[in-house]
Amino acid sequence: KGIGDTANVIGILPTADAAPSTTIEWSGYVYAMVQHVGRQDFWWGPGSAPYDTINTRAHLRVVGRTDTAVGEVGVRVNLRASGWYGDVDSDPSFYSNEYWGWWAMTPELTLGGGYSGSLGNIGYGIDGACTCWGTDWFAGDWRTNSPMYALGAMNPGDTHQVRLSYASGPLSFGLALENSHGGSDGFALAGEMKYAGDAFNGEISAISWDDSPSAGGGWQIGGGVAFNPSDMFSISLGAATGEIWDSSESFMVVSGLVNINLSDAVHAELGAAYGEFDHNDQDNLTLLAGIYYSPVSQLTIGLEGQMNDVSNGGGPDYNDFSTVDIVTVYNF
């Protein structure tokens, strides 16, 4: 997210009159965000005081690819540094939130591996489609680790994996062996099927994982669709269901986002997600909105807000919060 449509490219020519056989691309962004959190009832203590902060992030993506005698071989690395809460002299260091390599064995079949997003992710609704620089909280901290965090999320998060993909025309398929998503020893098996058309696209994804006896396992299956009724707006919808902790607790999630193009330079987003989880009879409602101004591709200014409301079976409503932010994003 946040990487621009264009990239800086270096091509290495084997001879003066031949096409490049090796390319190196780089792109990235920096953002600065002024954020107010007006309510913060997280699991470590309900009724936490509101706070204000300046958040920052730098992101660099580098992609290298080479044509070889056995097909294209490539590597993609995403590096990120984030600063939070304005601590004096707390210099953020870069870390890799994605590193991925691939070998295109045939024009349709690709073998890949590294650390990247789970193939079990439903890339639609709020999680998959919103801009969300300072909203969509908890989407990356999925229910297998902290169930109350992510009742409106359909994304198992990033993980170490080996993946085999097949693509032909608008259809693509993938199968991945991943590390478990429960924070313990074990593997996960994930698969997806996608259709990518001009006015309509969609996917079906599924994942099953097995952890140590203390953590249990689980599964999720879901899907999403996106379509463009007109040039002025688009709609992204997703839904998922599954079970965790040795199939003793079930959950379901529905999520949707509407993107409205107000002009060539301004677009707005309205999103909602609702989730239910058998554990403690919990349910969660998330509402968010954002409006973004991009006079050129290298600059975006946004105003965002989100409200999260959790019902916890008559107990404390942990993870209720509201937030609003103004963010400026600089792309290159």
C-alpha atoms as a PDB file:
ATOM      1  CA  LYS A   1       0.000   0.000   0.000  1.00  0.00           C
ATOM      2  CA  GLY A   2       1.152   3.522  -0.736  1.00  0.00           C
ATOM      3  CA  ILE A   3       3.610   2.715  -3.503  1.00  0.00           C
ATOM      4  CA  GLY A   4       3.006   4.908  -6.554  1.00  0.00           C
ATOM      5  CA  ASP A   5       2.016   3.741 -10.016  1.00  0.00           C
ATOM      6  CA  THR A   6       5.450   4.527 -11.436  1.00  0.00           C
ATOM      7  CA  ALA A   7       8.898   3.331 -10.430  1.00  0.00           C
ATOM      8  CA  ASN A   8      12.490   4.309 -11.138  1.00  0.00           C
ATOM      9  CA  VAL A   9      14.012   1.658 -13.414  1.00  0.00           C
ATOM     10  CA  ILE A  10      17.578   0.700 -14.273  1.00  0.00           C
ATOM     11  CA  GLY A  11      17.956  -1.626 -17.273  1.00  0.00           C
ATOM     12  CA  ILE A  12      21.144  -3.570 -17.925  1.00  0.00           C
ATOM     13  CA  LEU A  13      21.753  -4.195 -21.627  1.00  0.00           C
ATOM     14  CA  PRO A  14      23.644  -7.340 -22.635  1.00  0.00           C
ATOM     15  CA  THR A  15      24.504  -5.646 -25.944  1.00  0.00           C
ATOM     16  CA  ALA A  16      23.818  -2.240 -27.405  1.00  0.00           C
ATOM     17  CA  ASP A  17      20.972  -3.438 -29.644  1.00  0.00           C
ATOM     18  CA  ALA A  18      19.318  -5.977 -27.291  1.00  0.00           C
ATOM     19  CA  ALA A  19      16.470  -5.558 -24.859  1.00  0.00           C
ATOM     20  CA  PRO A  20      17.370  -5.384 -21.152  1.00  0.00           C
ATOM     21  CA  SER A  21      17.755  -8.799 -19.586  1.00  0.00           C
ATOM     22  CA  THR A  22      18.035  -7.422 -16.032  1.00  0.00           C
ATOM     23  CA  THR A  23      16.082  -4.574 -14.450  1.00  0.00           C
ATOM     24  CA  ILE A  24      16.177  -2.984 -11.009  1.00  0.00           C
ATOM     25  CA  GLU A  25      13.220  -0.878  -9.889  1.00  0.00           C
ATOM     26  CA  TRP A  26      12.806   1.235  -6.789  1.00  0.00           C
ATOM     27  CA  SER A  27       9.969   3.309  -5.406  1.00  0.00           C
ATOM     28  CA  GLY A  28       8.572   4.329  -2.058  1.00  0.00           C
ATOM     29  CA  TYR A  29       7.005   6.987   0.110  1.00  0.00           C
ATOM     30  CA  VAL A  30       7.276   8.962   3.341  1.00  0.00           C
ATOM     31  CA  TYR A  31       4.299  10.087   5.379  1.00  0.00           C
ATOM     32  CA  ALA A  32       3.730  12.364   8.351  1.00  0.00           C
ATOM     33  CA  MET A  33       0.458  12.097  10.275  1.00  0.00           C
ATOM     34  CA  VAL A  34      -1.105  14.157  13.040  1.00  0.00           C
ATOM     35  CA  GLN A  35      -3.484  11.840  14.925  1.00  0.00           C
ATOM     36  CA  HIS A  36      -5.957  12.115  17.779  1.00  0.00           C
ATOM     37  CA  VAL A  37      -7.290   9.014  19.536  1.00  0.00           C
ATOM     38  CA  GLY A  38     -10.371  10.057  21.451  1.00  0.00           C
ATOM     39  CA  ARG A  39     -11.230   6.754  23.115  1.00  0.00           C
ATOM     40  CA  GLN A  40      -8.940   3.865  23.851  1.00  0.00           C
ATOM     41  CA  ASP A  41     -10.473   0.939  25.726  1.00  0.00           C
ATOM     42  CA  PHE A  42      -7.959  -1.777  24.877  1.00  0.00           C
ATOM     43  CA  TRP A  43      -7.462  -5.134  26.566  1.00  0.00           C
ATOM     44  CA  TRP A  44      -4.747  -3.812  28.879  1.00  0.00           C
ATOM     45  CA  GLY A  45      -7.233  -1.486  30.582  1.00  0.00           C
ATOM     46  CA  PRO A  46     -10.587   0.075  29.723  1.00  0.00           C
ATOM     47  CA  GLY A  47     -10.948   3.820  29.974  1.00  0.00           C
ATOM     48  CA  SER A  48      -7.438   4.735  28.818  1.00  0.00           C
ATOM     49  CA  ALA A  49      -6.993   8.474  28.362  1.00  0.00           C
ATOM     50  CA  PRO A  50      -7.217  10.060  24.902  1.00  0.00           C
ATOM     51  CA  TYR A  51      -3.915  11.070  23.344  1.00  0.00           C
ATOM     52  CA  ASP A  52      -2.453  13.057  20.455  1.00  0.00           C
ATOM     53  CA  THR A  53       0.634  12.104  18.487  1.00  0.00           C
ATOM     54  CA  ILE A  54       2.606  12.586  15.281  1.00  0.00           C
ATOM     55  CA  ASN A  55       3.236   9.319  13.438  1.00  0.00           C
ATOM     56  CA  THR A  56       5.740   8.947  10.611  1.00  0.00           C
ATOM     57  CA  ARG A  57       6.829   6.221   8.235  1.00  0.00           C
ATOM     58  CA  ALA A  58       9.341   5.685   5.443  1.00  0.00           C
ATOM     59  CA  HIS A  59       8.910   2.843   2.953  1.00  0.00           C
ATOM     60  CA  LEU A  60      11.289   1.680   0.229  1.00  0.00           C
ATOM     61  CA  ARG A  61      10.555  -1.048  -2.318  1.00  0.00           C
ATOM     62  CA  VAL A  62      13.272  -2.560  -4.516  1.00  0.00           C
ATOM     63  CA  VAL A  63      12.527  -5.123  -7.243  1.00  0.00           C
ATOM     64  CA  GLY A  64      15.145  -6.913  -9.313  1.00  0.00           C
ATOM     65  CA  ARG A  65      14.400  -9.342 -12.135  1.00  0.00           C
ATOM     66  CA  THR A  66      16.571 -11.210 -14.618  1.00  0.00           C
ATOM     67  CA  ASP A  67      15.724 -13.207 -17.739  1.00  0.00           C
ATOM     68  CA  THR A  68      17.584 -16.529 -17.621  1.00  0.00           C
ATOM     69  CA  ALA A  69      17.755 -19.644 -19.762  1.00  0.00           C
ATOM     70  CA  VAL A  70      15.138 -21.301 -17.518  1.00  0.00           C
ATOM     71  CA  GLY A  71      12.791 -18.321 -17.133  1.00  0.00           C
ATOM     72  CA  GLU A  72      12.593 -15.070 -15.209  1.00  0.00           C
ATOM     73  CA  VAL A  73      14.043 -14.984 -11.687  1.00  0.00           C
ATOM     74  CA  GLY A  74      13.219 -12.053  -9.435  1.00  0.00           C
ATOM     75  CA  VAL A  75      13.403 -10.664  -5.915  1.00  0.00           C
ATOM     76  CA  ARG A  76      11.229  -8.028  -4.203  1.00  0.00           C
ATOM     77  CA  VAL A  77      12.179  -6.409  -0.882  1.00  0.00           C
ATOM     78  CA  ASN A  78      10.079  -3.892   1.062  1.00  0.00           C
ATOM     79  CA  LEU A  79      11.835  -1.950   3.818  1.00  0.00           C
ATOM     80  CA  ARG A  80       9.983   0.164   6.358  1.00  0.00           C
ATOM     81  CA  ALA A  81      10.783   2.451   9.292  1.00  0.00           C
ATOM     82  CA  SER A  82       8.092   3.899  11.560  1.00  0.00           C
ATOM     83  CA  GLY A  83       8.152   6.489  14.324  1.00  0.00           C
ATOM     84  CA  TRP A  84       5.395   6.659  16.937  1.00  0.00           C
ATOM     85  CA  TYR A  85       4.413   8.920  19.812  1.00  0.00           C
ATOM     86  CA  GLY A  86       7.157  11.486  19.144  1.00  0.00           C
ATOM     87  CA  ASP A  87       9.760  10.066  21.514  1.00  0.00           C
ATOM     88  CA  VAL A  88      12.871  12.234  21.542  1.00  0.00           C
ATOM     89  CA  ASP A  89      15.904  10.572  19.924  1.00  0.00           C
ATOM     90  CA  SER A  90      14.082   7.288  19.324  1.00  0.00           C
ATOM     91  CA  ASP A  91      15.600   6.787  15.892  1.00  0.00           C
ATOM     92  CA  PRO A  92      13.554   4.217  13.931  1.00  0.00           C
ATOM     93  CA  SER A  93      15.557   1.570  12.101  1.00  0.00           C
ATOM     94  CA  PHE A  94      14.527  -0.029   8.829  1.00  0.00           C
ATOM     95  CA  TYR A  95      13.035  -3.508   8.928  1.00  0.00           C
ATOM     96  CA  SER A  96      11.776  -5.700   6.110  1.00  0.00           C
ATOM     97  CA  ASN A  97       8.032  -6.165   6.185  1.00  0.00           C
ATOM     98  CA  GLU A  98       8.240  -8.205   2.971  1.00  0.00           C
ATOM     99  CA  TYR A  99      10.932 -10.111   1.109  1.00  0.00           C
ATOM    100  CA  TRP A 100       9.951 -12.338  -1.787  1.00  0.00           C
ATOM    101  CA  GLY A 101      11.649 -14.268  -4.559  1.00  0.00           C
ATOM    102  CA  TRP A 102      10.188 -16.049  -7.593  1.00  0.00           C
ATOM    103  CA  TRP A 103      11.036 -18.208 -10.562  1.00  0.00           C
ATOM    104  CA  ALA A 104       8.728 -18.110 -13.593  1.00  0.00           C
ATOM    105  CA  MET A 105       9.175 -21.727 -14.675  1.00  0.00           C
ATOM    106  CA  THR A 106       6.756 -21.236 -17.589  1.00  0.00           C
ATOM    107  CA  PRO A 107       4.712 -18.224 -18.739  1.00  0.00           C
ATOM    108  CA  GLU A 108       1.854 -19.530 -16.561  1.00  0.00           C
ATOM    109  CA  LEU A 109       3.568 -21.346 -13.647  1.00  0.00           C
ATOM    110  CA  THR A 110       5.579 -19.545 -10.945  1.00  0.00           C
ATOM    111  CA  LEU A 111       7.372 -20.852  -7.855  1.00  0.00           C
ATOM    112  CA  GLY A 112       7.868 -18.294  -5.093  1.00  0.00           C
ATOM    113  CA  GLY A 113       9.022 -18.111  -1.510  1.00  0.00           C
ATOM    114  CA  GLY A 114       9.902 -15.744   1.303  1.00  0.00           C
ATOM    115  CA  TYR A 115       8.012 -13.573   3.758  1.00  0.00           C
ATOM    116  CA  SER A 116       4.822 -11.978   2.444  1.00  0.00           C
ATOM    117  CA  GLY A 117       1.064 -11.747   2.894  1.00  0.00           C
ATOM    118  CA  SER A 118      -0.791 -14.987   3.550  1.00  0.00           C
ATOM    119  CA  LEU A 119      -2.517 -16.574   0.596  1.00  0.00           C
ATOM    120  CA  GLY A 120      -5.511 -17.024   2.905  1.00  0.00           C
ATOM    121  CA  ASN A 121      -6.111 -13.265   2.958  1.00  0.00           C
ATOM    122  CA  ILE A 122      -9.423 -11.963   1.594  1.00  0.00           C
ATOM    123  CA  GLY A 123      -8.199  -8.868  -0.237  1.00  0.00           C
ATOM    124  CA  TYR A 124     -11.595  -7.131  -0.373  1.00  0.00           C
ATOM    125  CA  GLY A 125     -13.747  -4.972   1.860  1.00  0.00           C
ATOM    126  CA  ILE A 126     -12.031  -2.622   4.282  1.00  0.00           C
ATOM    127  CA  ASP A 127      -8.855  -4.666   4.787  1.00  0.00           C
ATOM    128  CA  GLY A 128      -8.154  -5.195   1.119  1.00  0.00           C
ATOM    129  CA  ALA A 129      -9.375  -2.004  -0.535  1.00  0.00           C
ATOM    130  CA  CYS A 130      -9.204   1.007   1.805  1.00  0.00           C
ATOM    131  CA  THR A 131      -6.419   3.597   1.723  1.00  0.00           C
ATOM    132  CA  CYS A 132      -6.372   3.658   5.550  1.00  0.00           C
ATOM    133  CA  TRP A 133      -3.091   5.324   6.469  1.00  0.00           C
ATOM    134  CA  GLY A 134      -4.137   5.776  10.095  1.00  0.00           C
ATOM    135  CA  THR A 135      -7.323   3.700  10.251  1.00  0.00           C
ATOM    136  CA  ASP A 136      -8.289   0.028   9.843  1.00  0.00           C
ATOM    137  CA  TRP A 137      -6.682  -0.750  13.184  1.00  0.00           C
ATOM    138  CA  PHE A 138      -5.943  -4.352  14.149  1.00  0.00           C
ATOM    139  CA  ALA A 139      -6.285  -5.781  10.624  1.00  0.00           C
ATOM    140  CA  GLY A 140      -2.742  -7.137  10.810  1.00  0.00           C
ATOM    141  CA  ASP A 141      -3.108  -8.616  14.319  1.00  0.00           C
ATOM    142  CA  TRP A 142      -5.457 -11.415  13.445  1.00  0.00           C
ATOM    143  CA  ARG A 143      -7.811 -13.294  15.765  1.00  0.00           C
ATOM    144  CA  THR A 144      -5.521 -16.319  16.179  1.00  0.00           C
ATOM    145  CA  ASN A 145      -3.163 -14.205  18.287  1.00  0.00           C
ATOM    146  CA  SER A 146      -5.561 -11.710  19.888  1.00  0.00           C
ATOM    147  CA  PRO A 147      -9.169 -12.574  19.074  1.00  0.00           C
ATOM    148  CA  MET A 148     -10.748  -9.371  20.342  1.00  0.00           C
ATOM    149  CA  TYR A 149      -8.373  -7.289  18.246  1.00  0.00           C
ATOM    150  CA  ALA A 150      -9.631  -8.331  14.844  1.00  0.00           C
ATOM    151  CA  LEU A 151     -13.296  -9.210  14.841  1.00  0.00           C
ATOM    152  CA  GLY A 152     -13.742  -7.205  11.639  1.00  0.00           C
ATOM    153  CA  ALA A 153     -10.643  -8.531   9.862  1.00  0.00           C
ATOM    154  CA  MET A 154     -10.220 -11.203   7.200  1.00  0.00           C
ATOM    155  CA  ASN A 155      -6.433 -11.028   6.858  1.00  0.00           C
ATOM    156  CA  PRO A 156      -4.265 -13.701   8.553  1.00  0.00           C
ATOM    157  CA  GLY A 157      -1.292 -11.340   8.116  1.00  0.00           C
ATOM    158  CA  ASP A 158       2.230 -11.828   6.791  1.00  0.00           C
ATOM    159  CA  THR A 159       4.086 -15.110   7.162  1.00  0.00           C
ATOM    160  CA  HIS A 160       6.981 -17.232   5.888  1.00  0.00           C
ATOM    161  CA  GLN A 161       5.849 -19.432   3.015  1.00  0.00           C
ATOM    162  CA  VAL A 162       6.510 -21.346  -0.202  1.00  0.00           C
ATOM    163  CA  ARG A 163       3.962 -20.762  -2.966  1.00  0.00           C
ATOM    164  CA  LEU A 164       3.086 -22.238  -6.371  1.00  0.00           C
ATOM    165  CA  SER A 165       0.980 -20.033  -8.670  1.00  0.00           C
ATOM    166  CA  TYR A 166      -0.702 -20.537 -12.030  1.00  0.00           C
ATOM    167  CA  ALA A 167      -2.144 -17.730 -14.171  1.00  0.00           C
ATOM    168  CA  SER A 168      -3.760 -17.808 -17.597  1.00  0.00           C
ATOM    169  CA  GLY A 169      -5.786 -14.911 -18.921  1.00  0.00           C
ATOM    170  CA  PRO A 170      -8.111 -13.462 -16.242  1.00  0.00           C
ATOM    171  CA  LEU A 171      -7.912 -16.586 -14.043  1.00  0.00           C
ATOM    172  CA  SER A 172      -5.198 -17.377 -11.512  1.00  0.00           C
ATOM    173  CA  PHE A 173      -4.700 -20.018  -8.830  1.00  0.00           C
ATOM    174  CA  GLY A 174      -2.305 -20.334  -5.927  1.00  0.00           C
ATOM    175  CA  LEU A 175      -1.316 -22.885  -3.284  1.00  0.00           C
ATOM    176  CA  ALA A 176       1.010 -22.111  -0.365  1.00  0.00           C
ATOM    177  CA  LEU A 177       2.604 -23.944   2.554  1.00  0.00           C
ATOM    178  CA  GLU A 178       2.926 -21.330   5.297  1.00  0.00           C
ATOM    179  CA  ASN A 179       4.039 -21.075   8.888  1.00  0.00           C
ATOM    180  CA  SER A 180       1.177 -21.423  11.340  1.00  0.00           C
ATOM    181  CA  HIS A 181      -0.880 -18.308  12.069  1.00  0.00           C
ATOM    182  CA  GLY A 182      -1.420 -19.127  15.737  1.00  0.00           C
ATOM    183  CA  GLY A 183       1.970 -18.017  17.004  1.00  0.00           C
ATOM    184  CA  SER A 184       3.171 -21.580  17.696  1.00  0.00           C
ATOM    185  CA  ASP A 185       4.839 -24.482  15.930  1.00  0.00           C
ATOM    186  CA  GLY A 186       2.996 -25.928  12.963  1.00  0.00           C
ATOM    187  CA  PHE A 187       2.115 -25.329   9.330  1.00  0.00           C
ATOM    188  CA  ALA A 188      -0.747 -23.762   7.427  1.00  0.00           C
ATOM    189  CA  LEU A 189      -2.029 -24.733   3.992  1.00  0.00           C
ATOM    190  CA  ALA A 190      -3.631 -21.902   2.029  1.00  0.00           C
ATOM    191  CA  GLY A 191      -5.114 -21.615  -1.453  1.00  0.00           C
ATOM    192  CA  GLU A 192      -6.906 -19.069  -3.583  1.00  0.00           C
ATOM    193  CA  MET A 193      -8.641 -18.686  -6.934  1.00  0.00           C
ATOM    194  CA  LYS A 194      -8.929 -15.253  -8.572  1.00  0.00           C
ATOM    195  CA  TYR A 195     -10.682 -13.690 -11.522  1.00  0.00           C
ATOM    196  CA  ALA A 196      -9.470 -10.299 -12.788  1.00  0.00           C
ATOM    197  CA  GLY A 197     -11.698  -8.603 -15.361  1.00  0.00           C
ATOM    198  CA  ASP A 198     -11.966  -5.021 -16.543  1.00  0.00           C
ATOM    199  CA  ALA A 199     -15.201  -4.158 -14.704  1.00  0.00           C
ATOM    200  CA  PHE A 200     -15.370  -7.029 -12.223  1.00  0.00           C
ATOM    201  CA  ASN A 201     -12.902  -9.061 -10.184  1.00  0.00           C
ATOM    202  CA  GLY A 202     -13.153 -11.510  -7.321  1.00  0.00           C
ATOM    203  CA  GLU A 203     -11.509 -14.277  -5.336  1.00  0.00           C
ATOM    204  CA  ILE A 204     -12.150 -17.288  -3.132  1.00  0.00           C
ATOM    205  CA  SER A 205      -9.509 -18.031  -0.493  1.00  0.00           C
ATOM    206  CA  ALA A 206      -9.138 -20.670   2.201  1.00  0.00           C
ATOM    207  CA  ILE A 207      -6.598 -21.511   4.889  1.00  0.00           C
ATOM    208  CA  SER A 208      -6.204 -24.267   7.488  1.00  0.00           C
ATOM    209  CA  TRP A 209      -3.501 -24.345  10.158  1.00  0.00           C
ATOM    210  CA  ASP A 210      -2.300 -26.671  12.900  1.00  0.00           C
ATOM    211  CA  ASP A 211      -0.510 -25.379  16.016  1.00  0.00           C
ATOM    212  CA  SER A 212       0.910 -26.920  19.144  1.00  0.00           C
ATOM    213  CA  PRO A 213      -1.645 -28.625  21.439  1.00  0.00           C
ATOM    214  CA  SER A 214      -1.741 -25.597  23.740  1.00  0.00           C
ATOM    215  CA  ALA A 215      -2.644 -23.165  20.955  1.00  0.00           C
ATOM    216  CA  GLY A 216      -4.891 -25.327  18.791  1.00  0.00           C
ATOM    217  CA  GLY A 217      -5.562 -24.857  15.107  1.00  0.00           C
ATOM    218  CA  GLY A 218      -8.307 -23.603  12.877  1.00  0.00           C
ATOM    219  CA  TRP A 219      -9.487 -22.674   9.423  1.00  0.00           C
ATOM    220  CA  GLN A 220     -11.010 -19.823   7.407  1.00  0.00           C
ATOM    221  CA  ILE A 221     -12.782 -19.717   4.070  1.00  0.00           C
ATOM    222  CA  GLY A 222     -14.135 -16.635   2.363  1.00  0.00           C
ATOM    223  CA  GLY A 223     -14.362 -14.568  -0.759  1.00  0.00           C
ATOM    224  CA  GLY A 224     -14.674 -11.104  -2.159  1.00  0.00           C
ATOM    225  CA  VAL A 225     -15.852  -9.193  -5.200  1.00  0.00           C
ATOM    226  CA  ALA A 226     -15.238  -5.708  -6.573  1.00  0.00           C
ATOM    227  CA  PHE A 227     -17.000  -3.938  -9.391  1.00  0.00           C
ATOM    228  CA  ASN A 228     -17.222  -0.501 -10.998  1.00  0.00           C
ATOM    229  CA  PRO A 229     -20.826   0.511 -11.764  1.00  0.00           C
ATOM    230  CA  SER A 230     -19.520   3.800 -13.171  1.00  0.00           C
ATOM    231  CA  ASP A 231     -16.384   5.896 -13.437  1.00  0.00           C
ATOM    232  CA  MET A 232     -17.498   7.805 -10.341  1.00  0.00           C
ATOM    233  CA  PHE A 233     -17.424   5.001  -7.803  1.00  0.00           C
ATOM    234  CA  SER A 234     -16.451   1.394  -7.097  1.00  0.00           C
ATOM    235  CA  ILE A 235     -17.562  -1.158  -4.513  1.00  0.00           C
ATOM    236  CA  SER A 236     -15.508  -3.831  -2.728  1.00  0.00           C
ATOM    237  CA  LEU A 237     -17.219  -6.525  -0.635  1.00  0.00           C
ATOM    238  CA  GLY A 238     -15.791  -9.420   1.363  1.00  0.00           C
ATOM    239  CA  ALA A 239     -16.967 -12.109   3.782  1.00  0.00           C
ATOM    240  CA  ALA A 240     -15.344 -14.946   5.708  1.00  0.00           C
ATOM    241  CA  THR A 241     -16.154 -17.625   8.255  1.00  0.00           C
ATOM    242  CA  GLY A 242     -14.128 -20.171  10.173  1.00  0.00           C
ATOM    243  CA  GLU A 243     -13.114 -21.684  13.493  1.00  0.00           C
ATOM    244  CA  ILE A 244     -10.079 -21.415  15.777  1.00  0.00           C
ATOM    245  CA  TRP A 245      -8.649 -23.078  18.872  1.00  0.00           C
ATOM    246  CA  ASP A 246      -9.160 -26.690  17.818  1.00  0.00           C
ATOM    247  CA  SER A 247     -12.448 -25.740  16.135  1.00  0.00           C
ATOM    248  CA  SER A 248     -14.010 -24.814  19.483  1.00  0.00           C
ATOM    249  CA  GLU A 249     -14.780 -21.185  18.606  1.00  0.00           C
ATOM    250  CA  SER A 250     -16.386 -20.040  15.344  1.00  0.00           C
ATOM    251  CA  PHE A 251     -16.408 -16.589  13.775  1.00  0.00           C
ATOM    252  CA  MET A 252     -17.858 -14.719  10.806  1.00  0.00           C
ATOM    253  CA  VAL A 253     -17.002 -11.384   9.205  1.00  0.00           C
ATOM    254  CA  VAL A 254     -18.584  -9.179   6.533  1.00  0.00           C
ATOM    255  CA  SER A 255     -16.871  -6.069   5.197  1.00  0.00           C
ATOM    256  CA  GLY A 256     -17.504  -3.457   2.523  1.00  0.00           C
ATOM    257  CA  LEU A 257     -15.963  -0.303   1.092  1.00  0.00           C
ATOM    258  CA  VAL A 258     -17.264   2.293  -1.365  1.00  0.00           C
ATOM    259  CA  ASN A 259     -14.753   4.454  -3.218  1.00  0.00           C
ATOM    260  CA  ILE A 260     -16.160   7.686  -4.694  1.00  0.00           C
ATOM    261  CA  ASN A 261     -14.247   9.756  -7.262  1.00  0.00           C
ATOM    262  CA  LEU A 262     -15.292  13.336  -6.575  1.00  0.00           C
ATOM    263  CA  SER A 263     -12.881  14.714  -9.208  1.00  0.00           C
ATOM    264  CA  ASP A 264      -9.659  13.761 -10.967  1.00  0.00           C
ATOM    265  CA  ALA A 265      -7.727  14.784  -7.844  1.00  0.00           C
ATOM    266  CA  VAL A 266     -10.128  13.980  -4.977  1.00  0.00           C
ATOM    267  CA  HIS A 267     -11.640  10.701  -3.854  1.00  0.00           C
ATOM    268  CA  ALA A 268     -13.544   9.637  -0.744  1.00  0.00           C
ATOM    269  CA  GLU A 269     -13.975   6.257   0.967  1.00  0.00           C
ATOM    270  CA  LEU A 270     -16.756   4.946   3.214  1.00  0.00           C
ATOM    271  CA  GLY A 271     -16.360   1.549   4.861  1.00  0.00           C
ATOM    272  CA  ALA A 272     -17.972  -0.749   7.407  1.00  0.00           C
ATOM    273  CA  ALA A 273     -17.217  -4.177   8.857  1.00  0.00           C
ATOM    274  CA  TYR A 274     -19.081  -6.416  11.263  1.00  0.00           C
ATOM    275  CA  GLY A 275     -17.771  -9.534  12.970  1.00  0.00           C
ATOM    276  CA  GLU A 276     -19.054 -12.114  15.454  1.00  0.00           C
ATOM    277  CA  PHE A 277     -16.952 -14.480  17.564  1.00  0.00           C
ATOM    278  CA  ASP A 278     -18.328 -17.249  19.800  1.00  0.00           C
ATOM    279  CA  HIS A 279     -15.661 -16.617  22.431  1.00  0.00           C
ATOM    280  CA  ASN A 280     -17.369 -14.581  25.178  1.00  0.00           C
ATOM    281  CA  ASP A 281     -20.221 -13.935  22.734  1.00  0.00           C
ATOM    282  CA  GLN A 282     -18.352 -11.021  21.161  1.00  0.00           C
ATOM    283  CA  ASP A 283     -19.329  -8.860  18.213  1.00  0.00           C
ATOM    284  CA  ASN A 284     -17.666  -5.851  16.644  1.00  0.00           C
ATOM    285  CA  LEU A 285     -18.791  -2.962  14.427  1.00  0.00           C
ATOM    286  CA  THR A 286     -16.231  -0.822  12.607  1.00  0.00           C
ATOM    287  CA  LEU A 287     -17.064   2.334  10.633  1.00  0.00           C
ATOM    288  CA  LEU A 288     -14.483   4.420   8.821  1.00  0.00           C
ATOM    289  CA  ALA A 289     -14.262   7.250   6.307  1.00  0.00           C
ATOM    290  CA  GLY A 290     -11.545   9.130   4.475  1.00  0.00           C
ATOM    291  CA  ILE A 291     -11.145  11.852   1.864  1.00  0.00           C
ATOM    292  CA  TYR A 292      -7.916  12.236  -0.121  1.00  0.00           C
ATOM    293  CA  TYR A 293      -6.522  14.977  -2.359  1.00  0.00           C
ATOM    294  CA  SER A 294      -3.808  14.041  -4.879  1.00  0.00           C
ATOM    295  CA  PRO A 295      -2.985  16.968  -7.180  1.00  0.00           C
ATOM    296  CA  VAL A 296      -0.069  14.926  -8.588  1.00  0.00           C
ATOM    297  CA  SER A 297       0.928  11.285  -8.204  1.00  0.00           C
ATOM    298  CA  GLN A 298       3.798  12.231  -5.885  1.00  0.00           C
ATOM    299  CA  LEU A 299       1.622  13.924  -3.226  1.00  0.00           C
ATOM    300  CA  THR A 300      -1.490  12.949  -1.242  1.00  0.00           C
ATOM    301  CA  ILE A 301      -3.181  14.784   1.619  1.00  0.00           C
ATOM    302  CA  GLY A 302      -5.861  12.887   3.545  1.00  0.00           C
ATOM    303  CA  LEU A 303      -8.369  13.304   6.368  1.00  0.00           C
ATOM    304  CA  GLU A 304      -9.426   9.993   7.998  1.00  0.00           C
ATOM    305  CA  GLY A 305     -11.571   8.780  10.870  1.00  0.00           C
ATOM    306  CA  GLN A 306     -12.684   5.490  12.412  1.00  0.00           C
ATOM    307  CA  MET A 307     -14.956   4.218  15.162  1.00  0.00           C
ATOM    308  CA  ASN A 308     -14.746   0.717  16.640  1.00  0.00           C
ATOM    309  CA  ASP A 309     -17.463  -0.639  18.950  1.00  0.00           C
ATOM    310  CA  VAL A 310     -17.114  -4.051  20.633  1.00  0.00           C
ATOM    311  CA  SER A 311     -19.778  -5.920  22.586  1.00  0.00           C
ATOM    312  CA  ASN A 312     -18.254  -8.526  24.878  1.00  0.00           C
ATOM    313  CA  GLY A 313     -21.150 -10.619  26.171  1.00  0.00           C
ATOM    314  CA  GLY A 314     -21.987  -8.257  28.998  1.00  0.00           C
ATOM    315  CA  GLY A 315     -18.348  -7.856  30.068  1.00  0.00           C
ATOM    316  CA  PRO A 316     -15.977  -4.897  29.544  1.00  0.00           C
ATOM    317  CA  ASP A 317     -16.094  -3.593  25.973  1.00  0.00           C
ATOM    318  CA  TYR A 318     -12.376  -3.949  25.329  1.00  0.00           C
ATOM    319  CA  ASN A 319     -11.020  -2.462  22.108  1.00  0.00           C
ATOM    320  CA  ASP A 320     -13.579   0.289  21.749  1.00  0.00           C
ATOM    321  CA  PHE A 321     -11.891   3.334  20.251  1.00  0.00           C
ATOM    322  CA  SER A 322     -12.264   6.307  17.936  1.00  0.00           C
ATOM    323  CA  THR A 323      -9.551   8.062  15.966  1.00  0.00           C
ATOM    324  CA  VAL A 324      -9.083  10.889  13.472  1.00  0.00           C
ATOM    325  CA  ASP A 325      -5.952  11.932  11.579  1.00  0.00           C
ATOM    326  CA  ILE A 326      -4.567  14.257   8.924  1.00  0.00           C
ATOM    327  CA  VAL A 327      -1.838  12.652   6.819  1.00  0.00           C
ATOM    328  CA  THR A 328       0.521  13.910   4.111  1.00  0.00           C
ATOM    329  CA  VAL A 329       2.135  11.289   1.852  1.00  0.00           C
ATOM    330  CA  TYR A 330       5.128  11.953  -0.391  1.00  0.00           C
ATOM    331  CA  ASN A 331       5.766   9.381  -3.155  1.00  0.00           C
ATOM    332  CA  PHE A 332       8.743   8.836  -5.405  1.00  0.00           C
END
